[in-house]
Amino acid sequence: MTTGAPIPPSSAPGPTSRRPRRSRLLRFLPLGVAAWLVLEVWLLTVVAGAAGGFAVLLLLIGGFVLGSVVIKRAGRRAFRALSETLQQQQSGALPQGRANSEGNGLMMLGGLLLMLPGLVSDVLGLLLLVPPVQKAVGRYAERTFERKVREASGAFGSAFQQARIHRPDGKVVQGEVIREDRGNEGSHPPLTG
């Protein structure tokens, strides 16, 4: 069925239209997930053949219970740290970094991996519960995140600089750029209460 409307050149099929390239991670992620699932099922069948199906069932239930306990504990620690930080801010004191509140996210991830059925995910979940492994993974994730932010700020750094106003006395005034299109004045109602 055709509507008679012309196709814009940017979406027209042919040599001028190009789909953005997918990253290597996104290209191979479905294959990796499928391989992981096959490995998990194969390991469970091997353990069931050696120890019996009841032992595998107990192992899966134990992993689920341990994972839920770990997630609950990490969530309580994170909530306690948040409430203490909010109380410090309300009293006017500067919030101080707490050593025992770090790693709650990795503990929750470890608990989630324990809850997933499978032996490989259980081993990875147990590894994330070991404090030296948590610190190493946390440092690696932080370095990777900072590198990605630096790469992204290279592309957008000039746009952010344009949103600052430098006053003659040396003060920098942060602001928000609001663009008013003259052709669309009647299309949006004012934001007054």
N, C-alpha and C. Protein backbone atom coordinates (compact mmCIF):
# COMPACT_ATOMS: atom_id res chain seq x y z
N MET A 1 0.85 -1.15 0.00
CA MET A 1 0.00 0.00 0.00
C MET A 1 0.91 1.23 0.00
N THR A 2 0.63 2.16 -0.85
CA THR A 2 1.42 3.39 -0.89
C THR A 2 0.53 4.57 -0.53
N THR A 3 1.15 5.56 0.06
CA THR A 3 0.40 6.75 0.46
C THR A 3 0.63 7.90 -0.50
N GLY A 4 1.61 7.77 -1.34
CA GLY A 4 1.92 8.82 -2.28
C GLY A 4 2.88 9.85 -1.73
N ALA A 5 3.25 9.73 -0.45
CA ALA A 5 4.19 10.67 0.15
C ALA A 5 5.60 10.28 -0.26
N PRO A 6 6.41 11.24 -0.65
CA PRO A 6 7.78 10.90 -1.04
C PRO A 6 8.60 10.47 0.17
N ILE A 7 9.56 9.59 -0.07
CA ILE A 7 10.45 9.12 0.97
C ILE A 7 11.57 10.14 1.13
N PRO A 8 11.83 10.60 2.36
CA PRO A 8 12.93 11.53 2.55
C PRO A 8 14.26 10.88 2.16
N PRO A 9 15.20 11.66 1.64
CA PRO A 9 16.46 11.07 1.18
C PRO A 9 17.24 10.37 2.28
N SER A 10 17.11 10.82 3.55
CA SER A 10 17.90 10.19 4.61
C SER A 10 17.42 8.78 4.92
N SER A 11 16.14 8.47 4.66
CA SER A 11 15.64 7.13 4.95
C SER A 11 15.41 6.30 3.70
N ALA A 12 15.73 6.85 2.55
CA ALA A 12 15.53 6.11 1.31
C ALA A 12 16.56 4.99 1.21
N PRO A 13 16.15 3.80 0.79
CA PRO A 13 17.11 2.72 0.65
C PRO A 13 18.05 3.01 -0.52
N GLY A 14 19.25 2.49 -0.39
CA GLY A 14 20.21 2.67 -1.46
C GLY A 14 21.58 3.00 -0.92
N PRO A 15 22.48 3.39 -1.80
CA PRO A 15 23.85 3.60 -1.37
C PRO A 15 24.03 4.83 -0.49
N THR A 16 23.09 5.77 -0.48
CA THR A 16 23.27 6.96 0.34
C THR A 16 22.92 6.73 1.80
N SER A 17 22.07 5.73 2.10
CA SER A 17 21.70 5.49 3.50
C SER A 17 22.66 4.46 4.10
N ARG A 18 23.12 4.79 5.30
CA ARG A 18 24.02 3.88 6.01
C ARG A 18 23.52 3.70 7.42
N ARG A 19 23.48 2.47 7.85
CA ARG A 19 23.14 2.19 9.24
C ARG A 19 24.39 2.40 10.07
N PRO A 20 24.23 2.92 11.27
CA PRO A 20 25.41 3.08 12.12
C PRO A 20 25.97 1.71 12.47
N ARG A 21 27.28 1.64 12.54
CA ARG A 21 27.93 0.37 12.85
C ARG A 21 27.70 0.02 14.31
N ARG A 22 27.40 -1.23 14.55
CA ARG A 22 27.23 -1.71 15.91
C ARG A 22 28.60 -2.01 16.49
N SER A 23 28.74 -1.80 17.77
CA SER A 23 30.02 -2.08 18.41
C SER A 23 30.26 -3.59 18.42
N ARG A 24 31.49 -3.94 18.64
CA ARG A 24 31.86 -5.36 18.64
C ARG A 24 31.16 -6.09 19.79
N LEU A 25 31.01 -5.40 20.93
CA LEU A 25 30.34 -6.02 22.06
C LEU A 25 28.88 -6.34 21.73
N LEU A 26 28.18 -5.38 21.14
CA LEU A 26 26.78 -5.61 20.80
C LEU A 26 26.61 -6.65 19.71
N ARG A 27 27.60 -6.78 18.85
CA ARG A 27 27.51 -7.75 17.78
C ARG A 27 27.64 -9.17 18.31
N PHE A 28 28.53 -9.37 19.30
CA PHE A 28 28.79 -10.72 19.78
C PHE A 28 28.08 -11.04 21.11
N LEU A 29 27.34 -10.11 21.67
CA LEU A 29 26.65 -10.35 22.93
C LEU A 29 25.63 -11.49 22.84
N PRO A 30 24.77 -11.55 21.82
CA PRO A 30 23.84 -12.69 21.77
C PRO A 30 24.54 -14.05 21.68
N LEU A 31 25.64 -14.11 20.95
CA LEU A 31 26.40 -15.35 20.85
C LEU A 31 27.00 -15.72 22.21
N GLY A 32 27.51 -14.73 22.92
CA GLY A 32 28.08 -14.98 24.24
C GLY A 32 27.03 -15.46 25.24
N VAL A 33 25.85 -14.85 25.22
CA VAL A 33 24.77 -15.28 26.12
C VAL A 33 24.34 -16.70 25.79
N ALA A 34 24.23 -17.02 24.51
CA ALA A 34 23.85 -18.39 24.12
C ALA A 34 24.91 -19.40 24.56
N ALA A 35 26.18 -19.06 24.39
CA ALA A 35 27.25 -19.97 24.82
C ALA A 35 27.23 -20.14 26.33
N TRP A 36 26.98 -19.05 27.07
CA TRP A 36 26.92 -19.14 28.53
C TRP A 36 25.77 -20.04 28.97
N LEU A 37 24.59 -19.91 28.34
CA LEU A 37 23.45 -20.75 28.69
C LEU A 37 23.73 -22.23 28.40
N VAL A 38 24.35 -22.50 27.26
CA VAL A 38 24.68 -23.89 26.93
C VAL A 38 25.68 -24.45 27.94
N LEU A 39 26.68 -23.66 28.34
CA LEU A 39 27.65 -24.11 29.32
C LEU A 39 26.99 -24.39 30.67
N GLU A 40 26.08 -23.50 31.08
CA GLU A 40 25.38 -23.70 32.36
C GLU A 40 24.56 -24.99 32.35
N VAL A 41 23.81 -25.22 31.29
CA VAL A 41 22.99 -26.43 31.20
C VAL A 41 23.88 -27.67 31.17
N TRP A 42 24.97 -27.61 30.42
CA TRP A 42 25.87 -28.76 30.33
C TRP A 42 26.49 -29.08 31.69
N LEU A 43 26.94 -28.03 32.42
CA LEU A 43 27.52 -28.27 33.74
C LEU A 43 26.49 -28.84 34.72
N LEU A 44 25.27 -28.35 34.65
CA LEU A 44 24.24 -28.89 35.53
C LEU A 44 23.95 -30.36 35.22
N THR A 45 23.96 -30.74 33.95
CA THR A 45 23.74 -32.15 33.61
C THR A 45 24.92 -33.02 34.04
N VAL A 46 26.13 -32.48 33.96
CA VAL A 46 27.31 -33.25 34.42
C VAL A 46 27.23 -33.47 35.93
N VAL A 47 26.91 -32.41 36.68
CA VAL A 47 26.80 -32.54 38.14
C VAL A 47 25.63 -33.46 38.50
N ALA A 48 24.52 -33.37 37.77
CA ALA A 48 23.38 -34.24 38.05
C ALA A 48 23.74 -35.70 37.77
N GLY A 49 24.55 -35.94 36.74
CA GLY A 49 24.97 -37.31 36.45
C GLY A 49 25.91 -37.85 37.52
N ALA A 50 26.75 -36.98 38.11
CA ALA A 50 27.71 -37.44 39.12
C ALA A 50 27.09 -37.50 40.51
N ALA A 51 26.31 -36.50 40.89
CA ALA A 51 25.81 -36.42 42.27
C ALA A 51 24.32 -36.71 42.37
N GLY A 52 23.60 -36.66 41.29
CA GLY A 52 22.16 -36.90 41.33
C GLY A 52 21.37 -35.61 41.17
N GLY A 53 20.15 -35.77 40.72
CA GLY A 53 19.29 -34.63 40.45
C GLY A 53 18.88 -33.89 41.72
N PHE A 54 18.72 -34.63 42.84
CA PHE A 54 18.33 -33.98 44.09
C PHE A 54 19.44 -33.05 44.59
N ALA A 55 20.69 -33.45 44.42
CA ALA A 55 21.82 -32.60 44.83
C ALA A 55 21.86 -31.32 44.00
N VAL A 56 21.55 -31.42 42.72
CA VAL A 56 21.53 -30.22 41.87
C VAL A 56 20.39 -29.31 42.29
N LEU A 57 19.24 -29.88 42.62
CA LEU A 57 18.11 -29.08 43.09
C LEU A 57 18.47 -28.35 44.38
N LEU A 58 19.10 -29.06 45.32
CA LEU A 58 19.52 -28.42 46.57
C LEU A 58 20.55 -27.32 46.31
N LEU A 59 21.44 -27.56 45.38
CA LEU A 59 22.46 -26.56 45.03
C LEU A 59 21.82 -25.31 44.45
N LEU A 60 20.83 -25.48 43.58
CA LEU A 60 20.15 -24.33 42.99
C LEU A 60 19.34 -23.56 44.04
N ILE A 61 18.65 -24.27 44.92
CA ILE A 61 17.87 -23.61 45.97
C ILE A 61 18.80 -22.89 46.94
N GLY A 62 19.91 -23.54 47.31
CA GLY A 62 20.87 -22.89 48.20
C GLY A 62 21.47 -21.63 47.60
N GLY A 63 21.77 -21.66 46.32
CA GLY A 63 22.29 -20.47 45.64
C GLY A 63 21.28 -19.34 45.63
N PHE A 64 20.02 -19.68 45.41
CA PHE A 64 18.97 -18.66 45.40
C PHE A 64 18.81 -18.03 46.78
N VAL A 65 18.79 -18.87 47.83
CA VAL A 65 18.63 -18.35 49.19
C VAL A 65 19.83 -17.51 49.59
N LEU A 66 21.03 -17.97 49.32
CA LEU A 66 22.24 -17.21 49.66
C LEU A 66 22.27 -15.89 48.89
N GLY A 67 21.90 -15.91 47.63
CA GLY A 67 21.87 -14.68 46.84
C GLY A 67 20.87 -13.67 47.37
N SER A 68 19.70 -14.14 47.79
CA SER A 68 18.71 -13.21 48.33
C SER A 68 19.17 -12.62 49.66
N VAL A 69 19.87 -13.40 50.49
CA VAL A 69 20.41 -12.88 51.75
C VAL A 69 21.47 -11.83 51.47
N VAL A 70 22.33 -12.08 50.51
CA VAL A 70 23.40 -11.13 50.17
C VAL A 70 22.80 -9.83 49.64
N ILE A 71 21.81 -9.92 48.77
CA ILE A 71 21.19 -8.72 48.21
C ILE A 71 20.49 -7.92 49.32
N LYS A 72 19.82 -8.61 50.22
CA LYS A 72 19.13 -7.92 51.31
C LYS A 72 20.13 -7.21 52.22
N ARG A 73 21.23 -7.87 52.53
CA ARG A 73 22.26 -7.27 53.40
C ARG A 73 22.90 -6.06 52.73
N ALA A 74 23.23 -6.18 51.46
CA ALA A 74 23.85 -5.05 50.74
C ALA A 74 22.87 -3.89 50.62
N GLY A 75 21.60 -4.18 50.41
CA GLY A 75 20.60 -3.13 50.32
C GLY A 75 20.43 -2.39 51.64
N ARG A 76 20.46 -3.13 52.74
CA ARG A 76 20.38 -2.48 54.05
C ARG A 76 21.59 -1.60 54.31
N ARG A 77 22.78 -2.10 53.96
CA ARG A 77 23.99 -1.28 54.14
C ARG A 77 23.92 -0.02 53.31
N ALA A 78 23.47 -0.13 52.08
CA ALA A 78 23.38 1.05 51.22
C ALA A 78 22.35 2.04 51.75
N PHE A 79 21.21 1.54 52.23
CA PHE A 79 20.18 2.43 52.76
C PHE A 79 20.68 3.11 54.04
N ARG A 80 21.39 2.39 54.89
CA ARG A 80 21.93 2.97 56.12
C ARG A 80 22.94 4.06 55.79
N ALA A 81 23.81 3.81 54.82
CA ALA A 81 24.80 4.82 54.43
C ALA A 81 24.11 6.05 53.84
N LEU A 82 23.07 5.84 53.06
CA LEU A 82 22.33 6.97 52.49
C LEU A 82 21.64 7.80 53.56
N SER A 83 21.00 7.14 54.51
CA SER A 83 20.30 7.88 55.57
C SER A 83 21.29 8.64 56.45
N GLU A 84 22.46 8.06 56.74
CA GLU A 84 23.47 8.77 57.53
C GLU A 84 24.01 9.98 56.76
N THR A 85 24.21 9.83 55.47
CA THR A 85 24.69 10.96 54.67
C THR A 85 23.65 12.08 54.64
N LEU A 86 22.38 11.72 54.50
CA LEU A 86 21.34 12.74 54.50
C LEU A 86 21.23 13.44 55.85
N GLN A 87 21.39 12.70 56.94
CA GLN A 87 21.36 13.31 58.26
C GLN A 87 22.53 14.27 58.45
N GLN A 88 23.70 13.89 57.95
CA GLN A 88 24.87 14.77 58.06
C GLN A 88 24.67 16.04 57.25
N GLN A 89 24.08 15.91 56.07
CA GLN A 89 23.84 17.09 55.25
C GLN A 89 22.80 18.00 55.88
N GLN A 90 21.78 17.45 56.51
CA GLN A 90 20.75 18.27 57.15
C GLN A 90 21.30 19.00 58.37
N SER A 91 22.27 18.39 59.06
CA SER A 91 22.85 19.04 60.23
C SER A 91 23.91 20.07 59.84
N GLY A 92 24.25 20.14 58.57
CA GLY A 92 25.22 21.12 58.08
C GLY A 92 26.64 20.60 58.00
N ALA A 93 26.89 19.38 58.40
CA ALA A 93 28.23 18.81 58.34
C ALA A 93 28.47 18.27 56.94
N LEU A 94 29.72 18.28 56.54
CA LEU A 94 30.08 17.72 55.24
C LEU A 94 30.03 16.20 55.33
N PRO A 95 29.41 15.55 54.36
CA PRO A 95 29.37 14.08 54.40
C PRO A 95 30.76 13.51 54.21
N GLN A 96 31.06 12.50 54.99
CA GLN A 96 32.36 11.85 54.92
C GLN A 96 32.21 10.51 54.23
N GLY A 97 33.22 10.13 53.45
CA GLY A 97 33.19 8.84 52.78
C GLY A 97 33.31 7.72 53.79
N ARG A 98 32.55 6.69 53.61
CA ARG A 98 32.57 5.56 54.52
C ARG A 98 33.18 4.36 53.82
N ALA A 99 34.09 3.72 54.48
CA ALA A 99 34.78 2.58 53.87
C ALA A 99 33.87 1.36 53.74
N ASN A 100 32.95 1.18 54.69
CA ASN A 100 32.13 -0.03 54.63
C ASN A 100 30.92 0.12 53.72
N SER A 101 30.69 1.30 53.18
CA SER A 101 29.55 1.45 52.28
C SER A 101 29.95 1.23 50.83
N GLU A 102 31.23 1.10 50.58
CA GLU A 102 31.68 0.86 49.21
C GLU A 102 31.46 -0.61 48.85
N GLY A 103 31.18 -0.86 47.61
CA GLY A 103 31.04 -2.23 47.15
C GLY A 103 29.64 -2.79 47.29
N ASN A 104 28.67 -1.98 47.69
CA ASN A 104 27.31 -2.50 47.82
C ASN A 104 26.75 -2.91 46.47
N GLY A 105 27.07 -2.16 45.44
CA GLY A 105 26.60 -2.50 44.10
C GLY A 105 27.17 -3.83 43.62
N LEU A 106 28.46 -4.03 43.89
CA LEU A 106 29.08 -5.30 43.49
C LEU A 106 28.56 -6.46 44.34
N MET A 107 28.24 -6.18 45.61
CA MET A 107 27.63 -7.24 46.44
C MET A 107 26.26 -7.61 45.90
N MET A 108 25.50 -6.60 45.48
CA MET A 108 24.18 -6.90 44.91
C MET A 108 24.30 -7.68 43.61
N LEU A 109 25.29 -7.31 42.79
CA LEU A 109 25.52 -8.06 41.56
C LEU A 109 25.93 -9.50 41.86
N GLY A 110 26.78 -9.68 42.87
CA GLY A 110 27.16 -11.03 43.28
C GLY A 110 25.96 -11.83 43.76
N GLY A 111 25.08 -11.19 44.54
CA GLY A 111 23.87 -11.87 44.99
C GLY A 111 22.95 -12.24 43.85
N LEU A 112 22.85 -11.33 42.87
CA LEU A 112 22.01 -11.63 41.70
C LEU A 112 22.58 -12.80 40.91
N LEU A 113 23.91 -12.84 40.76
CA LEU A 113 24.52 -13.97 40.06
C LEU A 113 24.32 -15.27 40.83
N LEU A 114 24.33 -15.19 42.16
CA LEU A 114 24.05 -16.40 42.95
C LEU A 114 22.62 -16.87 42.76
N MET A 115 21.70 -15.94 42.59
CA MET A 115 20.29 -16.30 42.44
C MET A 115 20.00 -16.93 41.09
N LEU A 116 20.78 -16.59 40.07
CA LEU A 116 20.56 -17.17 38.75
C LEU A 116 20.91 -18.66 38.79
N PRO A 117 20.10 -19.50 38.16
CA PRO A 117 20.41 -20.92 38.18
C PRO A 117 21.61 -21.23 37.29
N GLY A 118 22.58 -21.91 37.86
CA GLY A 118 23.75 -22.31 37.10
C GLY A 118 24.99 -22.26 37.98
N LEU A 119 25.98 -23.03 37.58
CA LEU A 119 27.20 -23.12 38.38
C LEU A 119 28.20 -22.02 38.05
N VAL A 120 28.30 -21.64 36.81
CA VAL A 120 29.24 -20.58 36.42
C VAL A 120 28.81 -19.26 37.05
N SER A 121 27.53 -18.96 37.02
CA SER A 121 27.05 -17.72 37.63
C SER A 121 27.24 -17.77 39.15
N ASP A 122 27.10 -18.94 39.77
CA ASP A 122 27.34 -19.05 41.21
C ASP A 122 28.80 -18.78 41.55
N VAL A 123 29.71 -19.31 40.76
CA VAL A 123 31.14 -19.07 41.01
C VAL A 123 31.47 -17.59 40.85
N LEU A 124 30.94 -16.97 39.79
CA LEU A 124 31.19 -15.53 39.59
C LEU A 124 30.58 -14.72 40.73
N GLY A 125 29.39 -15.10 41.19
CA GLY A 125 28.75 -14.40 42.31
C GLY A 125 29.55 -14.54 43.59
N LEU A 126 30.07 -15.74 43.86
CA LEU A 126 30.89 -15.93 45.05
C LEU A 126 32.20 -15.14 44.96
N LEU A 127 32.77 -15.07 43.77
CA LEU A 127 34.00 -14.27 43.60
C LEU A 127 33.75 -12.80 43.88
N LEU A 128 32.58 -12.29 43.48
CA LEU A 128 32.28 -10.88 43.73
C LEU A 128 32.03 -10.59 45.20
N LEU A 129 31.87 -11.60 46.03
CA LEU A 129 31.69 -11.39 47.45
C LEU A 129 33.01 -11.30 48.20
N VAL A 130 34.12 -11.65 47.56
CA VAL A 130 35.44 -11.58 48.18
C VAL A 130 35.93 -10.13 48.11
N PRO A 131 36.26 -9.52 49.26
CA PRO A 131 36.63 -8.09 49.27
C PRO A 131 37.78 -7.70 48.34
N PRO A 132 38.89 -8.46 48.23
CA PRO A 132 39.93 -8.02 47.29
C PRO A 132 39.45 -8.05 45.83
N VAL A 133 38.60 -8.99 45.49
CA VAL A 133 38.06 -9.05 44.13
C VAL A 133 37.12 -7.87 43.91
N GLN A 134 36.33 -7.53 44.93
CA GLN A 134 35.44 -6.37 44.82
C GLN A 134 36.23 -5.10 44.56
N LYS A 135 37.33 -4.92 45.31
CA LYS A 135 38.14 -3.71 45.13
C LYS A 135 38.76 -3.66 43.74
N ALA A 136 39.26 -4.80 43.27
CA ALA A 136 39.89 -4.83 41.94
C ALA A 136 38.86 -4.55 40.85
N VAL A 137 37.70 -5.17 40.95
CA VAL A 137 36.65 -4.95 39.94
C VAL A 137 36.14 -3.52 40.02
N GLY A 138 36.02 -2.98 41.23
CA GLY A 138 35.57 -1.61 41.40
C GLY A 138 36.55 -0.61 40.80
N ARG A 139 37.85 -0.83 41.01
CA ARG A 139 38.86 0.06 40.42
C ARG A 139 38.84 -0.03 38.90
N TYR A 140 38.71 -1.24 38.38
CA TYR A 140 38.66 -1.41 36.92
C TYR A 140 37.44 -0.71 36.34
N ALA A 141 36.29 -0.88 36.98
CA ALA A 141 35.06 -0.24 36.49
C ALA A 141 35.18 1.28 36.57
N GLU A 142 35.79 1.78 37.63
CA GLU A 142 35.95 3.23 37.78
C GLU A 142 36.87 3.80 36.70
N ARG A 143 37.98 3.12 36.43
CA ARG A 143 38.90 3.58 35.38
C ARG A 143 38.22 3.54 34.02
N THR A 144 37.48 2.48 33.76
CA THR A 144 36.78 2.38 32.47
C THR A 144 35.74 3.47 32.33
N PHE A 145 34.99 3.74 33.39
CA PHE A 145 33.98 4.79 33.36
C PHE A 145 34.62 6.16 33.13
N GLU A 146 35.71 6.44 33.84
CA GLU A 146 36.39 7.73 33.67
C GLU A 146 36.93 7.89 32.25
N ARG A 147 37.46 6.81 31.68
CA ARG A 147 37.98 6.89 30.31
C ARG A 147 36.84 7.18 29.32
N LYS A 148 35.70 6.51 29.52
CA LYS A 148 34.56 6.75 28.62
C LYS A 148 34.04 8.18 28.76
N VAL A 149 34.05 8.71 29.98
CA VAL A 149 33.60 10.09 30.18
C VAL A 149 34.56 11.06 29.51
N ARG A 150 35.86 10.80 29.63
CA ARG A 150 36.84 11.67 28.95
C ARG A 150 36.67 11.63 27.44
N GLU A 151 36.42 10.44 26.89
CA GLU A 151 36.21 10.33 25.45
C GLU A 151 34.96 11.08 25.03
N ALA A 152 33.90 10.97 25.83
CA ALA A 152 32.65 11.65 25.49
C ALA A 152 32.78 13.15 25.68
N SER A 153 33.54 13.59 26.67
CA SER A 153 33.67 15.03 26.90
C SER A 153 34.50 15.68 25.80
N GLY A 154 35.32 14.92 25.11
CA GLY A 154 36.06 15.49 23.98
C GLY A 154 35.11 15.91 22.88
N ALA A 155 34.06 15.14 22.67
CA ALA A 155 33.10 15.46 21.63
C ALA A 155 32.15 16.56 22.06
N PHE A 156 31.80 16.60 23.35
CA PHE A 156 30.80 17.54 23.82
C PHE A 156 31.39 18.65 24.67
N GLY A 157 32.69 18.67 24.87
CA GLY A 157 33.31 19.65 25.74
C GLY A 157 33.07 21.08 25.30
N SER A 158 33.14 21.35 24.00
CA SER A 158 32.92 22.71 23.53
C SER A 158 31.47 23.15 23.73
N ALA A 159 30.52 22.24 23.65
CA ALA A 159 29.12 22.59 23.88
C ALA A 159 28.89 22.98 25.33
N PHE A 160 29.57 22.27 26.26
CA PHE A 160 29.41 22.61 27.66
C PHE A 160 30.10 23.93 27.99
N GLN A 161 31.20 24.23 27.35
CA GLN A 161 31.90 25.48 27.59
C GLN A 161 31.06 26.67 27.15
N GLN A 162 30.29 26.53 26.12
CA GLN A 162 29.48 27.62 25.62
C GLN A 162 28.35 27.99 26.57
N ALA A 163 28.01 27.13 27.48
CA ALA A 163 26.91 27.39 28.39
C ALA A 163 27.37 28.13 29.64
N ARG A 164 28.64 28.52 29.71
CA ARG A 164 29.17 29.25 30.86
C ARG A 164 29.37 30.71 30.48
N ILE A 165 29.13 31.57 31.43
CA ILE A 165 29.34 32.99 31.22
C ILE A 165 30.49 33.41 32.12
N HIS A 166 31.54 33.96 31.55
CA HIS A 166 32.68 34.44 32.32
C HIS A 166 32.51 35.93 32.56
N ARG A 167 32.38 36.30 33.81
CA ARG A 167 32.21 37.70 34.16
C ARG A 167 33.58 38.37 34.25
N PRO A 168 33.63 39.70 34.11
CA PRO A 168 34.92 40.41 34.17
C PRO A 168 35.64 40.25 35.51
N ASP A 169 34.91 40.05 36.59
CA ASP A 169 35.57 39.92 37.89
C ASP A 169 36.11 38.51 38.13
N GLY A 170 36.02 37.62 37.14
CA GLY A 170 36.60 36.29 37.25
C GLY A 170 35.62 35.22 37.69
N LYS A 171 34.42 35.59 38.09
CA LYS A 171 33.44 34.60 38.52
C LYS A 171 32.82 33.92 37.29
N VAL A 172 32.53 32.66 37.44
CA VAL A 172 31.88 31.90 36.38
C VAL A 172 30.43 31.67 36.80
N VAL A 173 29.51 32.06 35.95
CA VAL A 173 28.09 31.89 36.24
C VAL A 173 27.58 30.74 35.39
N GLN A 174 27.13 29.67 36.07
CA GLN A 174 26.56 28.55 35.35
C GLN A 174 25.16 28.93 34.89
N GLY A 175 24.80 28.51 33.73
CA GLY A 175 23.49 28.85 33.21
C GLY A 175 22.94 27.77 32.32
N GLU A 176 21.75 27.99 31.88
CA GLU A 176 21.09 27.06 30.98
C GLU A 176 20.71 27.83 29.73
N VAL A 177 21.04 27.28 28.60
CA VAL A 177 20.73 27.94 27.34
C VAL A 177 19.31 27.54 26.94
N ILE A 178 18.48 28.53 26.74
CA ILE A 178 17.10 28.28 26.31
C ILE A 178 16.93 28.91 24.94
N ARG A 179 16.60 28.09 23.98
CA ARG A 179 16.44 28.58 22.62
C ARG A 179 14.96 28.78 22.35
N GLU A 180 14.63 29.98 21.95
CA GLU A 180 13.24 30.28 21.62
C GLU A 180 13.12 30.41 20.12
N ASP A 181 12.37 29.53 19.53
CA ASP A 181 12.13 29.61 18.09
C ASP A 181 10.96 30.55 17.86
N ARG A 182 11.15 31.49 16.97
CA ARG A 182 10.10 32.47 16.69
C ARG A 182 8.93 31.85 15.94
N GLY A 183 9.17 30.78 15.19
CA GLY A 183 8.10 30.18 14.40
C GLY A 183 7.18 29.30 15.23
N ASN A 184 7.60 28.85 16.42
CA ASN A 184 6.81 27.93 17.22
C ASN A 184 6.28 28.57 18.49
N GLU A 185 6.10 29.87 18.53
CA GLU A 185 5.69 30.54 19.77
C GLU A 185 4.30 30.10 20.22
N GLY A 186 3.41 29.87 19.31
CA GLY A 186 2.04 29.50 19.69
C GLY A 186 1.84 28.04 19.94
N SER A 187 2.84 27.20 19.71
CA SER A 187 2.63 25.77 19.81
C SER A 187 2.75 25.25 21.23
N HIS A 188 3.43 25.95 22.13
CA HIS A 188 3.61 25.48 23.50
C HIS A 188 3.01 26.50 24.46
N PRO A 189 2.21 26.05 25.42
CA PRO A 189 1.67 27.00 26.40
C PRO A 189 2.77 27.43 27.36
N PRO A 190 2.62 28.57 28.00
CA PRO A 190 3.63 29.01 28.96
C PRO A 190 3.65 28.10 30.18
N LEU A 191 4.78 28.06 30.88
CA LEU A 191 4.96 27.16 32.01
C LEU A 191 4.57 27.81 33.33
N THR A 192 3.78 28.85 33.31
CA THR A 192 3.39 29.50 34.57
C THR A 192 2.25 28.72 35.20
N GLY A 193 2.18 28.77 36.55
CA GLY A 193 1.28 27.98 37.33
C GLY A 193 -0.13 28.28 37.20
